[in-house]
Amino acid sequence: MKRTFPVELILIKLGVSMKKKFMILFFLIQICTYPIKMTAQSQVQIDLEILQDLSQLDLTAFINFGKGNFDAVSIPLVLQITMEYPENDEVALSGNVFWNSPDGNKNGQIISFESHPFSGVKVVSNQEFNKKIIFLAPQTNQTLMDENVKRGKPSGKYTINLSLRDINNGEVVTTSKVIEITNPTQTFFIQSPVMLSQNDVGGVTAIWDAVEGAKYYKILANVRRSKNQSLEEALNSSNPLINNKNVGLVTSKNLVEILDRQWLPGQEVVLRVAALVPSTNGEKEIYSSNIIDFYLTSNNTEEGQELTKNFGDLMNNVLDDLRENFNEDDESMNFQNVNGAQLLKMIESGQLTFSNIVITDETGRVVTYDELNNLLKYLRTNPGALINFSYQSN
């Protein structure tokens, strides 16, 4: 666009000699008649908002996040991204997170990610990743990721960088946030057993990090009876396997040595360690950053073999009794006969052992080896006490 000014107006305002007037006039005309490029405001914008105090964030919830599993159920709500771009354009969102440890010994990019092209989404939270916007598999530095999860809580300096690219016109805008946490809450991490691992019922060793200033450690463990139970619910349910047992200042312990009741092969167990440290009000409990969920197996222990034999003997007795008193018009008896024969076949073939089943009472409590053996012995000598039985396979 060209702009010009009246020559008379310019001359009136210039109180200099005529020669200079014309020189200045010529200069002004050159400037004023030069095309002026008008730059429009960018139509693409991006803004990042952190929604909570990151110093209190539990990083163990982000273990799967680093593998590309954006699970809205387990990942806390941390950030929100607001975007502006032309309504009909497609855009792509990318970003990365850099970390510097508090001591400066560890630093680098933890994770980078990029989305597939999308349109119509202007606001998205981290819980909506892969729901509103679909992402490619992220690139992660597993060493730095593990180091952060091990610490439990964020610590050090985190730099979050985001870019929004308009695919239609190539325009790119960026935004960054730097979060520095210099005095994080002290945390520690259970190193063993590994999450969802299989462990022999005869000996499971728990190993955890030392906590500075700890007076002693306590261990809590319990059976998870249903997949509908959260790990916290299972841990705090009644009749624990290990009821907050004081183990002193050690950082490893064979859990079998401190059981409050017998555990069994096939059980799913949840475990948490707490450190007791002095505070102004006496003692303060610091919980391990992770609750470990693991399974019990058996290498054909003597107890398991004895239970399998006693159970097989009982089923033989029951089936003999059913055959002697069989009534084909009794549907219940017919069902028990068929069901019992199936159970006995599974036991005799080795398909069913006490290494891979769990028996509970009517309240859902898992009974011990001793309780099971005593019950089986009683039923063998008092077959009339067995009113009904059923087998349920999960």
Protein backbone atom coordinates (compact mmCIF):
# COMPACT_ATOMS: atom_id res chain seq x y z
CA MET A 1 0.00 0.00 0.00
CA LYS A 2 1.33 3.55 -0.88
CA ARG A 3 0.82 6.65 1.21
CA THR A 4 1.52 10.34 0.09
CA PHE A 5 1.28 13.67 1.88
CA PRO A 6 0.44 17.15 0.47
CA VAL A 7 3.67 18.94 -0.44
CA GLU A 8 2.36 22.26 0.93
CA LEU A 9 1.82 20.82 4.37
CA ILE A 10 5.33 19.47 4.53
CA LEU A 11 6.88 22.77 3.36
CA ILE A 12 5.01 24.81 5.94
CA LYS A 13 6.33 22.66 8.73
CA LEU A 14 9.93 22.91 7.60
CA GLY A 15 11.53 26.13 8.86
CA VAL A 16 14.75 25.86 6.83
CA SER A 17 16.23 27.42 3.63
CA MET A 18 14.53 26.76 0.29
CA LYS A 19 17.40 24.59 -0.91
CA LYS A 20 17.25 22.50 2.20
CA LYS A 21 13.48 22.47 1.91
CA PHE A 22 13.64 20.79 -1.44
CA MET A 23 16.25 18.32 -0.29
CA ILE A 24 14.18 17.36 2.69
CA LEU A 25 11.04 17.37 0.59
CA PHE A 26 12.60 14.96 -1.87
CA PHE A 27 13.69 12.68 0.98
CA LEU A 28 10.23 12.74 2.55
CA ILE A 29 8.53 12.02 -0.74
CA GLN A 30 10.82 9.03 -1.24
CA ILE A 31 9.93 7.70 2.21
CA CYS A 32 6.25 8.49 2.12
CA THR A 33 5.69 7.03 -1.33
CA TYR A 34 7.57 3.77 -0.57
CA PRO A 35 5.24 0.75 -0.29
CA ILE A 36 4.55 -0.11 3.36
CA LYS A 37 4.01 -3.79 4.17
CA MET A 38 1.26 -4.28 6.76
CA THR A 39 1.90 -7.47 8.86
CA ALA A 40 -1.27 -9.15 10.07
CA GLN A 41 -1.44 -10.65 13.59
CA SER A 42 -0.59 -14.36 13.72
CA GLN A 43 -3.63 -16.61 13.38
CA VAL A 44 -1.88 -19.50 15.17
CA GLN A 45 -1.31 -19.33 18.93
CA ILE A 46 -0.58 -21.77 21.76
CA ASP A 47 -0.62 -21.45 25.55
CA LEU A 48 0.36 -23.91 28.30
CA GLU A 49 -1.15 -23.87 31.80
CA ILE A 50 0.11 -26.02 34.71
CA LEU A 51 -2.93 -27.05 36.78
CA GLN A 52 -1.41 -28.29 40.05
CA ASP A 53 1.56 -28.07 42.41
CA LEU A 54 4.04 -30.43 40.77
CA SER A 55 6.10 -30.83 43.95
CA GLN A 56 3.31 -33.05 45.33
CA LEU A 57 2.80 -35.09 42.15
CA ASP A 58 3.20 -38.88 42.36
CA LEU A 59 5.44 -39.74 39.42
CA THR A 60 4.78 -43.48 39.67
CA ALA A 61 1.43 -42.78 38.00
CA PHE A 62 3.35 -41.83 34.83
CA ILE A 63 5.20 -45.13 34.35
CA ASN A 64 2.93 -46.08 31.44
CA PHE A 65 2.81 -42.51 30.09
CA GLY A 66 6.42 -42.84 28.99
CA LYS A 67 5.49 -45.93 26.99
CA GLY A 68 2.80 -44.07 25.09
CA ASN A 69 -0.10 -45.34 27.21
CA PHE A 70 -2.05 -42.15 27.88
CA ASP A 71 -4.48 -43.62 30.42
CA ALA A 72 -6.94 -41.01 31.73
CA VAL A 73 -7.90 -43.25 34.65
CA SER A 74 -4.44 -43.46 36.20
CA ILE A 75 -2.68 -40.28 35.05
CA PRO A 76 -3.29 -37.19 37.23
CA LEU A 77 -4.50 -33.98 35.59
CA VAL A 78 -1.36 -31.85 35.26
CA LEU A 79 -1.54 -29.47 32.31
CA GLN A 80 -3.89 -27.87 29.83
CA ILE A 81 -3.01 -26.65 26.33
CA THR A 82 -5.05 -23.89 24.65
CA MET A 83 -4.65 -23.43 20.87
CA GLU A 84 -5.88 -20.95 18.27
CA TYR A 85 -5.75 -21.57 14.50
CA PRO A 86 -8.01 -21.04 11.46
CA GLU A 87 -11.14 -23.10 11.73
CA ASN A 88 -10.63 -25.13 8.55
CA ASP A 89 -6.87 -25.70 8.95
CA GLU A 90 -5.17 -28.86 10.16
CA VAL A 91 -2.46 -28.57 12.81
CA ALA A 92 0.03 -30.84 14.58
CA LEU A 93 1.14 -30.57 18.22
CA SER A 94 4.62 -31.58 19.35
CA GLY A 95 6.66 -31.14 22.50
CA ASN A 96 9.40 -32.32 24.81
CA VAL A 97 10.44 -32.21 28.45
CA PHE A 98 14.01 -31.54 29.60
CA TRP A 99 15.18 -32.30 33.14
CA ASN A 100 18.07 -31.16 35.32
CA SER A 101 18.52 -33.05 38.61
CA PRO A 102 18.92 -30.96 41.80
CA ASP A 103 22.61 -31.94 42.11
CA GLY A 104 23.27 -31.25 38.42
CA ASN A 105 24.65 -34.77 37.83
CA LYS A 106 21.83 -35.87 35.56
CA ASN A 107 20.22 -33.86 32.78
CA GLY A 108 18.75 -34.26 29.33
CA GLN A 109 15.54 -34.76 27.42
CA ILE A 110 13.18 -37.14 29.21
CA ILE A 111 10.48 -37.41 26.57
CA SER A 112 9.45 -36.01 23.19
CA PHE A 113 6.14 -36.52 21.41
CA GLU A 114 4.27 -35.50 18.27
CA SER A 115 0.64 -35.79 17.25
CA HIS A 116 -1.05 -36.84 14.07
CA PRO A 117 -2.70 -33.91 12.21
CA PHE A 118 -5.98 -32.77 13.74
CA SER A 119 -8.52 -29.97 13.54
CA GLY A 120 -11.39 -28.62 15.59
CA VAL A 121 -9.68 -29.17 18.98
CA LYS A 122 -8.78 -25.92 20.71
CA VAL A 123 -8.33 -27.05 24.35
CA VAL A 124 -6.80 -30.34 25.53
CA SER A 125 -5.51 -31.63 28.88
CA ASN A 126 -2.88 -34.34 29.39
CA GLN A 127 -5.70 -36.72 30.39
CA GLU A 128 -7.22 -36.27 26.92
CA PHE A 129 -4.07 -37.19 24.98
CA ASN A 130 -4.91 -40.01 22.54
CA LYS A 131 -8.59 -39.27 23.08
CA LYS A 132 -9.10 -35.82 21.58
CA ILE A 133 -5.71 -35.86 19.82
CA ILE A 134 -3.91 -39.00 18.64
CA PHE A 135 -0.15 -39.16 19.26
CA LEU A 136 2.67 -41.13 17.72
CA ALA A 137 4.71 -43.32 20.09
CA PRO A 138 6.84 -40.95 22.21
CA GLN A 139 10.63 -41.03 22.29
CA THR A 140 11.87 -41.49 25.86
CA ASN A 141 15.16 -41.57 27.73
CA GLN A 142 14.37 -44.59 29.89
CA THR A 143 17.33 -43.99 32.22
CA LEU A 144 16.14 -40.48 33.10
CA MET A 145 12.52 -41.65 33.20
CA ASP A 146 13.40 -44.40 35.71
CA GLU A 147 15.46 -41.95 37.77
CA ASN A 148 12.47 -39.63 38.09
CA VAL A 149 10.06 -42.45 38.98
CA LYS A 150 12.56 -43.72 41.55
CA ARG A 151 12.52 -40.33 43.27
CA GLY A 152 8.74 -40.57 43.50
CA LYS A 153 8.15 -36.82 43.48
CA PRO A 154 9.39 -34.25 40.94
CA SER A 155 12.69 -32.63 41.88
CA GLY A 156 15.08 -30.33 40.03
CA LYS A 157 14.26 -28.25 36.97
CA TYR A 158 11.78 -29.26 34.28
CA THR A 159 11.50 -27.37 30.99
CA ILE A 160 8.34 -28.11 28.98
CA ASN A 161 8.41 -27.02 25.33
CA LEU A 162 5.38 -27.14 23.02
CA SER A 163 5.01 -26.34 19.31
CA LEU A 164 1.88 -25.96 17.20
CA ARG A 165 2.34 -26.20 13.41
CA ASP A 166 -0.34 -25.11 10.93
CA ILE A 167 -0.04 -27.70 8.16
CA ASN A 168 -1.96 -25.53 5.67
CA ASN A 169 0.30 -22.45 5.76
CA GLY A 170 3.42 -23.77 7.51
CA GLU A 171 3.22 -21.29 10.41
CA VAL A 172 4.75 -22.55 13.68
CA VAL A 173 4.29 -21.10 17.17
CA THR A 174 5.93 -22.25 20.41
CA THR A 175 5.56 -21.87 24.15
CA SER A 176 7.63 -22.99 27.14
CA LYS A 177 7.31 -23.38 30.88
CA VAL A 178 10.16 -23.84 33.35
CA ILE A 179 9.30 -25.46 36.69
CA GLU A 180 12.00 -25.62 39.35
CA ILE A 181 11.50 -27.68 42.51
CA THR A 182 14.40 -27.15 44.86
CA ASN A 183 13.08 -28.73 48.06
CA PRO A 184 10.94 -31.75 47.15
CA THR A 185 9.19 -33.91 49.72
CA GLN A 186 11.45 -36.80 50.74
CA THR A 187 10.39 -40.07 49.12
CA PHE A 188 11.74 -43.57 48.57
CA PHE A 189 11.09 -46.45 46.23
CA ILE A 190 10.56 -50.23 46.60
CA GLN A 191 13.12 -51.90 44.32
CA SER A 192 12.00 -55.52 44.77
CA PRO A 193 9.81 -57.43 44.14
CA VAL A 194 9.18 -56.06 40.67
CA MET A 195 5.67 -54.91 39.83
CA LEU A 196 3.45 -57.80 38.57
CA SER A 197 6.29 -60.32 38.96
CA GLN A 198 5.89 -64.01 39.86
CA ASN A 199 7.54 -64.92 43.19
CA ASP A 200 7.96 -68.27 44.92
CA VAL A 201 5.73 -68.61 47.95
CA GLY A 202 8.65 -69.94 49.99
CA GLY A 203 10.60 -66.70 49.98
CA VAL A 204 9.95 -63.16 48.74
CA THR A 205 12.58 -60.55 49.60
CA ALA A 206 11.51 -56.91 49.69
CA ILE A 207 14.24 -54.31 49.02
CA TRP A 208 13.76 -50.56 49.30
CA ASP A 209 15.75 -47.29 49.32
CA ALA A 210 17.13 -45.87 52.54
CA VAL A 211 15.44 -42.74 53.90
CA GLU A 212 17.67 -40.13 55.51
CA GLY A 213 16.98 -39.83 59.25
CA ALA A 214 14.66 -42.85 59.43
CA LYS A 215 14.30 -44.47 62.89
CA TYR A 216 12.80 -47.68 61.51
CA TYR A 217 10.67 -49.10 58.68
CA LYS A 218 7.24 -50.75 58.69
CA ILE A 219 5.83 -53.22 56.17
CA LEU A 220 2.17 -53.66 55.24
CA ALA A 221 1.03 -56.41 52.85
CA ASN A 222 -2.34 -57.88 51.98
CA VAL A 223 -4.15 -60.03 49.43
CA ARG A 224 -5.88 -58.42 46.47
CA ARG A 225 -9.05 -60.49 46.16
CA SER A 226 -10.54 -58.85 43.09
CA LYS A 227 -9.43 -56.84 40.06
CA ASN A 228 -12.17 -54.39 41.02
CA GLN A 229 -10.17 -53.48 44.14
CA SER A 230 -7.68 -50.66 43.78
CA LEU A 231 -4.23 -51.37 45.21
CA GLU A 232 -4.94 -48.95 48.07
CA GLU A 233 -8.23 -50.68 48.90
CA ALA A 234 -6.60 -54.10 48.88
CA LEU A 235 -3.74 -52.90 51.03
CA ASN A 236 -6.02 -51.40 53.67
CA SER A 237 -8.62 -54.19 53.76
CA SER A 238 -9.05 -56.38 56.85
CA ASN A 239 -6.89 -59.33 57.93
CA PRO A 240 -3.56 -58.26 56.37
CA LEU A 241 -0.80 -60.74 55.60
CA ILE A 242 1.72 -58.42 57.27
CA ASN A 243 0.21 -55.86 59.61
CA ASN A 244 2.54 -52.82 59.68
CA LYS A 245 5.38 -54.95 61.05
CA ASN A 246 8.36 -52.99 62.48
CA VAL A 247 11.51 -54.38 60.78
CA GLY A 248 14.03 -51.94 62.26
CA LEU A 249 16.53 -49.99 60.17
CA VAL A 250 17.16 -52.65 57.52
CA THR A 251 16.37 -51.92 53.86
CA SER A 252 15.61 -55.53 52.88
CA LYS A 253 13.52 -58.27 54.45
CA ASN A 254 12.33 -61.81 53.63
CA LEU A 255 8.58 -61.31 53.90
CA VAL A 256 7.96 -64.96 54.84
CA GLU A 257 9.74 -64.30 58.17
CA ILE A 258 7.22 -61.63 59.23
CA LEU A 259 3.89 -63.01 57.97
CA ASP A 260 0.97 -62.60 60.38
CA ARG A 261 -0.91 -65.37 58.54
CA GLN A 262 -0.04 -67.93 55.91
CA TRP A 263 -0.09 -66.87 52.29
CA LEU A 264 -0.81 -69.24 49.39
CA PRO A 265 0.32 -69.90 45.84
CA GLY A 266 -1.94 -68.18 43.33
CA GLN A 267 -2.56 -65.14 45.52
CA GLU A 268 -2.07 -61.59 44.28
CA VAL A 269 -0.29 -59.55 46.97
CA VAL A 270 0.09 -55.79 47.44
CA LEU A 271 3.01 -54.38 49.42
CA ARG A 272 3.94 -50.99 50.87
CA VAL A 273 6.82 -49.86 53.07
CA ALA A 274 6.72 -46.86 55.42
CA ALA A 275 9.66 -45.00 56.97
CA LEU A 276 9.25 -43.46 60.42
CA VAL A 277 11.31 -40.27 60.82
CA PRO A 278 11.50 -37.81 63.75
CA SER A 279 9.42 -34.64 63.43
CA THR A 280 8.42 -31.69 65.57
CA ASN A 281 5.27 -33.60 66.59
CA GLY A 282 7.04 -36.87 67.40
CA GLU A 283 7.24 -39.17 64.38
CA LYS A 284 6.17 -38.77 60.78
CA GLU A 285 5.38 -41.61 58.37
CA ILE A 286 6.77 -41.39 54.86
CA TYR A 287 5.23 -43.98 52.55
CA SER A 288 7.11 -45.62 49.71
CA SER A 289 6.30 -43.85 46.46
CA ASN A 290 5.06 -47.09 44.94
CA ILE A 291 2.72 -49.85 46.07
CA ILE A 292 3.99 -53.12 44.59
CA ASP A 293 1.52 -55.66 43.20
CA PHE A 294 2.96 -59.20 42.72
CA TYR A 295 1.90 -62.85 42.48
CA LEU A 296 2.78 -65.97 44.47
CA THR A 297 3.71 -69.25 42.81
CA SER A 298 4.89 -72.61 44.14
CA ASN A 299 7.54 -75.07 43.01
CA ASN A 300 5.48 -78.05 44.24
CA THR A 301 6.12 -77.41 47.92
CA GLU A 302 5.41 -80.24 50.39
CA GLU A 303 2.42 -78.34 51.74
CA GLY A 304 0.97 -77.96 48.24
CA GLN A 305 1.50 -81.63 47.44
CA GLU A 306 -0.14 -82.70 50.70
CA LEU A 307 -3.15 -80.46 50.09
CA THR A 308 -3.56 -81.75 46.52
CA LYS A 309 -3.47 -85.38 47.76
CA ASN A 310 -5.96 -84.77 50.58
CA PHE A 311 -8.28 -82.89 48.28
CA GLY A 312 -8.13 -85.70 45.69
CA ASP A 313 -8.89 -88.30 48.40
CA LEU A 314 -11.86 -86.26 49.57
CA MET A 315 -13.27 -85.95 46.05
CA ASN A 316 -12.92 -89.72 45.53
CA ASN A 317 -14.89 -90.33 48.75
CA VAL A 318 -17.55 -87.81 47.73
CA LEU A 319 -17.95 -89.33 44.27
CA ASP A 320 -18.17 -92.87 45.68
CA ASP A 321 -20.93 -91.70 48.01
CA LEU A 322 -22.75 -89.96 45.14
CA ARG A 323 -22.62 -93.10 42.99
CA GLU A 324 -24.01 -95.28 45.79
CA ASN A 325 -26.94 -92.93 46.33
CA PHE A 326 -27.35 -91.68 42.77
CA ASN A 327 -30.82 -90.56 41.75
CA GLU A 328 -31.08 -89.50 38.12
CA ASP A 329 -34.16 -87.40 38.94
CA ASP A 330 -32.16 -85.31 41.42
CA GLU A 331 -30.71 -82.50 39.28
CA SER A 332 -28.53 -81.19 42.12
CA MET A 333 -26.98 -84.61 42.71
CA ASN A 334 -26.42 -85.09 38.97
CA PHE A 335 -24.73 -81.68 38.71
CA GLN A 336 -22.45 -82.43 41.69
CA ASN A 337 -21.52 -85.81 40.24
CA VAL A 338 -20.48 -84.29 36.90
CA ASN A 339 -18.74 -81.33 38.55
CA GLY A 340 -16.93 -83.58 41.03
CA ALA A 341 -15.75 -85.93 38.30
CA GLN A 342 -14.35 -82.95 36.38
CA LEU A 343 -12.51 -81.70 39.47
CA LEU A 344 -11.02 -85.13 40.20
CA LYS A 345 -9.85 -85.52 36.60
CA MET A 346 -8.11 -82.12 36.75
CA ILE A 347 -6.41 -83.07 40.03
CA GLU A 348 -5.21 -86.49 38.83
CA SER A 349 -3.88 -85.03 35.57
CA GLY A 350 -1.96 -82.30 37.40
CA GLN A 351 -3.97 -79.57 35.68
CA LEU A 352 -5.27 -78.41 39.06
CA THR A 353 -2.90 -78.08 42.02
CA PHE A 354 -2.67 -75.87 45.05
CA SER A 355 0.06 -73.98 43.24
CA ASN A 356 -2.48 -72.33 40.97
CA ILE A 357 -5.75 -72.14 42.90
CA VAL A 358 -6.97 -70.05 45.83
CA ILE A 359 -9.66 -71.21 48.28
CA THR A 360 -11.65 -68.68 50.28
CA ASP A 361 -14.35 -68.89 52.91
CA GLU A 362 -17.83 -67.37 52.60
CA THR A 363 -16.52 -63.90 53.50
CA GLY A 364 -13.83 -63.97 50.80
CA ARG A 365 -10.98 -64.53 53.28
CA VAL A 366 -8.20 -66.76 51.95
CA VAL A 367 -7.70 -69.72 54.30
CA THR A 368 -4.26 -71.05 55.29
CA TYR A 369 -2.61 -74.40 54.50
CA ASP A 370 -3.24 -75.64 58.04
CA GLU A 371 -6.90 -74.61 57.95
CA LEU A 372 -7.39 -76.35 54.60
CA ASN A 373 -5.74 -79.58 55.71
CA ASN A 374 -7.75 -79.68 58.94
CA LEU A 375 -10.95 -79.08 56.96
CA LEU A 376 -10.15 -81.81 54.42
CA LYS A 377 -9.32 -84.32 57.18
CA TYR A 378 -12.56 -83.51 58.96
CA LEU A 379 -14.66 -83.91 55.81
CA ARG A 380 -13.04 -87.26 54.99
CA THR A 381 -14.06 -88.63 58.38
CA ASN A 382 -17.42 -86.80 58.38
CA PRO A 383 -18.65 -86.93 54.76
CA GLY A 384 -22.18 -86.02 55.81
CA ALA A 385 -20.95 -82.55 56.77
CA LEU A 386 -20.33 -81.70 53.10
CA ILE A 387 -23.65 -80.32 51.89
CA ASN A 388 -22.64 -78.89 48.53
CA PHE A 389 -19.62 -77.93 46.47
CA SER A 390 -18.93 -76.02 43.27
CA TYR A 391 -15.92 -75.12 41.16
CA GLN A 392 -15.44 -71.66 39.70
CA SER A 393 -12.69 -70.90 37.17
CA ASN A 394 -11.57 -67.28 36.70
